Amino acid sequence: MSTTATRGETAAPPRDGAALLRSTGLRVTRPRLAVLSALTQHPHADAAEVLSAVRDEQPGVSHQTVYDCLHVLTEAGLVRSIQPAGSTARYEIRRHDNHHHLVCRTCGRVEDVPCRTGTPPCLHPAQDHGFVVDEAEVYYWGLCPACAAEDPAANTPDAQPGGGAAPASTPPSRKKDESLDETA
């Protein structure tokens, strides 16, 4: 497997983080290696989860260092930032594939789902207005198996208008938000 990376494509998972960083012209630093390692072990992690995983390896690393690493790695095309509606940004290692994401409305779990046609963009707009389209970003919303098991009534296509899928502009509900005091 080649570790040569171009913007938007890398080997997955990175077996040799140092070679991966060098292939994009980035300096090899301990924090960058730790961030790549964290994302390999925790795909779809948000910045706080990445920070926690990095601090397991490097207790003294600062918030800012991890945020800077995420920014640099994203700009270099080694990491992809995704941000489903109503969610914080999440990060994943870029791969040689064309995939989208399943997002649980209740717990926020994110899973990869391959694109049916395989080559980017796998979806084409009815009218491109002169754009050269090279990517389609799709989020499928629903309930993960664990959340669906907790709420059997929501586990039917009739539970959502349109046969099981809410409009893309509808932010996910989160159980953890239900405990917030609205009177403050």
Protein backbone atom coordinates (compact mmCIF):
# COMPACT_ATOMS: atom_id res chain seq x y z
CA MET A 1 0.00 0.00 0.00
CA SER A 2 1.33 3.39 -0.94
CA THR A 3 1.63 6.10 1.67
CA THR A 4 1.84 8.84 -0.94
CA ALA A 5 -1.07 11.18 -0.34
CA THR A 6 -2.76 13.71 -2.52
CA ARG A 7 -5.28 16.24 -1.27
CA GLY A 8 -8.31 14.30 -0.10
CA GLU A 9 -6.72 10.85 -0.34
CA THR A 10 -4.50 8.98 2.10
CA ALA A 11 -3.74 5.47 3.13
CA ALA A 12 -6.13 4.25 5.81
CA PRO A 13 -5.38 3.68 8.56
CA PRO A 14 -2.00 5.43 8.60
CA ARG A 15 0.51 2.73 9.48
CA ASP A 16 3.40 5.13 9.36
CA GLY A 17 2.20 8.55 10.44
CA ALA A 18 5.64 10.09 9.91
CA ALA A 19 5.74 8.99 6.26
CA LEU A 20 2.18 10.22 5.80
CA LEU A 21 3.04 13.65 7.19
CA ARG A 22 6.19 13.87 5.05
CA SER A 23 4.26 12.86 1.92
CA THR A 24 2.25 16.08 2.21
CA GLY A 25 5.26 18.24 3.10
CA LEU A 26 4.34 18.58 6.77
CA ARG A 27 6.89 18.45 9.57
CA VAL A 28 6.69 15.38 11.75
CA THR A 29 5.81 16.37 15.31
CA ARG A 30 4.72 14.32 18.32
CA PRO A 31 1.36 16.11 18.59
CA ARG A 32 0.56 15.54 14.89
CA LEU A 33 1.44 11.86 15.21
CA ALA A 34 -0.71 11.62 18.35
CA VAL A 35 -3.69 13.27 16.59
CA LEU A 36 -3.38 10.86 13.64
CA SER A 37 -3.19 7.95 16.07
CA ALA A 38 -6.23 9.19 17.99
CA LEU A 39 -8.28 9.50 14.80
CA THR A 40 -7.25 6.04 13.67
CA GLN A 41 -8.48 4.63 16.99
CA HIS A 42 -11.53 6.91 17.29
CA PRO A 43 -13.06 7.71 13.89
CA HIS A 44 -15.63 10.53 13.86
CA ALA A 45 -14.24 12.02 17.09
CA ASP A 46 -14.89 15.63 17.97
CA ALA A 47 -12.05 17.91 19.10
CA ALA A 48 -12.65 17.17 22.81
CA GLU A 49 -12.47 13.41 22.18
CA VAL A 50 -9.28 13.85 20.15
CA LEU A 51 -7.79 15.98 22.93
CA SER A 52 -8.61 13.33 25.53
CA ALA A 53 -7.04 10.56 23.42
CA VAL A 54 -3.93 12.66 22.70
CA ARG A 55 -3.54 13.48 26.40
CA ASP A 56 -3.50 9.75 27.14
CA GLU A 57 -0.21 9.67 25.19
CA GLN A 58 1.00 13.21 25.93
CA PRO A 59 -0.50 14.55 29.18
CA GLY A 60 0.95 18.05 28.83
CA VAL A 61 -0.40 18.84 25.36
CA SER A 62 -2.58 21.98 25.22
CA HIS A 63 -6.05 22.42 23.74
CA GLN A 64 -4.61 24.89 21.25
CA THR A 65 -1.96 22.44 20.04
CA VAL A 66 -4.59 19.80 19.27
CA TYR A 67 -6.84 22.34 17.53
CA ASP A 68 -3.86 23.58 15.50
CA CYS A 69 -2.96 20.01 14.52
CA LEU A 70 -6.54 19.27 13.45
CA HIS A 71 -6.56 22.44 11.36
CA VAL A 72 -3.20 21.73 9.69
CA LEU A 73 -4.03 18.07 9.03
CA THR A 74 -7.41 19.03 7.56
CA GLU A 75 -5.85 21.72 5.34
CA ALA A 76 -3.24 19.18 4.16
CA GLY A 77 -6.02 16.75 3.20
CA LEU A 78 -4.99 14.06 5.67
CA VAL A 79 -8.04 14.57 7.88
CA ARG A 80 -11.63 15.28 6.91
CA SER A 81 -13.89 17.48 9.02
CA ILE A 82 -17.59 16.65 8.98
CA GLN A 83 -20.30 18.63 10.71
CA PRO A 84 -23.81 17.21 10.61
CA ALA A 85 -26.55 19.80 11.31
CA GLY A 86 -26.77 20.65 14.99
CA SER A 87 -23.53 18.84 15.83
CA THR A 88 -19.97 19.86 16.60
CA ALA A 89 -17.33 19.21 13.97
CA ARG A 90 -16.05 15.65 13.90
CA TYR A 91 -12.86 14.41 12.32
CA GLU A 92 -11.81 11.30 10.44
CA ILE A 93 -8.75 10.10 8.56
CA ARG A 94 -9.12 10.63 4.79
CA ARG A 95 -9.28 7.39 2.80
CA HIS A 96 -9.25 6.22 -0.81
CA ASP A 97 -13.01 5.84 -0.85
CA ASN A 98 -16.18 7.75 -1.48
CA HIS A 99 -18.42 7.46 1.55
CA HIS A 100 -21.15 9.31 3.37
CA HIS A 101 -22.39 9.14 6.96
CA LEU A 102 -25.26 7.72 8.99
CA VAL A 103 -26.06 9.91 12.02
CA CYS A 104 -28.21 8.89 14.98
CA ARG A 105 -30.65 11.64 15.93
CA THR A 106 -30.70 10.56 19.56
CA CYS A 107 -27.14 9.78 20.64
CA GLY A 108 -25.16 11.37 17.79
CA ARG A 109 -23.38 8.14 16.77
CA VAL A 110 -21.82 8.43 13.30
CA GLU A 111 -21.05 5.53 10.98
CA ASP A 112 -19.59 5.42 7.47
CA VAL A 113 -21.78 4.25 4.61
CA PRO A 114 -20.29 3.65 1.14
CA CYS A 115 -21.63 5.59 -1.81
CA ARG A 116 -23.60 3.36 -4.16
CA THR A 117 -21.79 4.39 -7.34
CA GLY A 118 -18.35 4.57 -5.80
CA THR A 119 -16.74 7.41 -7.75
CA PRO A 120 -16.88 11.01 -6.56
CA PRO A 121 -19.20 12.73 -6.80
CA CYS A 122 -21.63 9.86 -6.50
CA LEU A 123 -24.58 12.24 -6.72
CA HIS A 124 -25.05 14.79 -9.47
CA PRO A 125 -27.19 17.94 -9.21
CA ALA A 126 -30.05 18.39 -11.67
CA GLN A 127 -28.47 21.71 -12.61
CA ASP A 128 -24.84 22.57 -11.86
CA HIS A 129 -24.99 26.32 -12.68
CA GLY A 130 -21.56 26.05 -14.28
CA PHE A 131 -19.89 24.51 -11.22
CA VAL A 132 -17.38 21.70 -11.66
CA VAL A 133 -18.74 19.33 -9.00
CA ASP A 134 -16.13 17.04 -7.44
CA GLU A 135 -17.75 15.97 -4.17
CA ALA A 136 -21.17 15.30 -2.67
CA GLU A 137 -21.61 15.32 1.11
CA VAL A 138 -24.59 13.35 2.36
CA TYR A 139 -25.85 12.65 5.87
CA TYR A 140 -28.44 9.95 6.43
CA TRP A 141 -30.38 10.64 9.64
CA GLY A 142 -32.14 8.07 11.76
CA LEU A 143 -31.74 5.98 14.90
CA CYS A 144 -28.83 3.66 15.62
CA PRO A 145 -29.76 0.11 16.68
CA ALA A 146 -29.33 0.86 20.40
CA CYS A 147 -31.54 3.97 20.33
CA ALA A 148 -34.12 2.28 18.11
CA ALA A 149 -34.32 -0.58 20.62
CA GLU A 150 -35.06 1.94 23.40
CA ASP A 151 -37.90 3.51 21.38
CA PRO A 152 -39.68 0.82 19.33
CA ALA A 153 -42.34 3.30 18.13
CA ALA A 154 -39.66 5.34 16.36
CA ASN A 155 -38.36 2.25 14.57
CA THR A 156 -40.87 2.36 11.74
CA PRO A 157 -40.73 4.24 8.42
CA ASP A 158 -44.06 5.90 9.29
CA ALA A 159 -42.51 7.51 12.39
CA GLN A 160 -40.96 10.27 10.26
CA PRO A 161 -42.66 12.33 7.54
CA GLY A 162 -41.53 11.16 4.10
CA GLY A 163 -40.97 7.53 5.02
CA GLY A 164 -38.29 7.65 7.67
CA ALA A 165 -36.09 10.58 6.79
CA ALA A 166 -36.50 14.04 8.25
CA PRO A 167 -35.50 17.04 6.14
CA ALA A 168 -31.78 17.81 6.12
CA SER A 169 -32.40 21.14 7.87
CA THR A 170 -33.89 19.41 10.91
CA PRO A 171 -31.20 19.24 13.60
CA PRO A 172 -30.88 16.03 15.56
CA SER A 173 -32.38 15.73 19.01
CA ARG A 174 -30.01 14.69 21.76
CA LYS A 175 -30.88 12.93 24.99
CA LYS A 176 -28.18 14.80 26.86
CA ASP A 177 -29.85 18.13 25.96
CA GLU A 178 -33.16 17.07 27.53
CA SER A 179 -31.72 17.62 30.99
CA LEU A 180 -30.92 21.29 30.36
CA ASP A 181 -32.87 23.77 32.44
CA GLU A 182 -34.72 26.07 30.03
CA THR A 183 -35.52 28.61 32.78
CA ALA A 184 -31.97 29.88 33.20
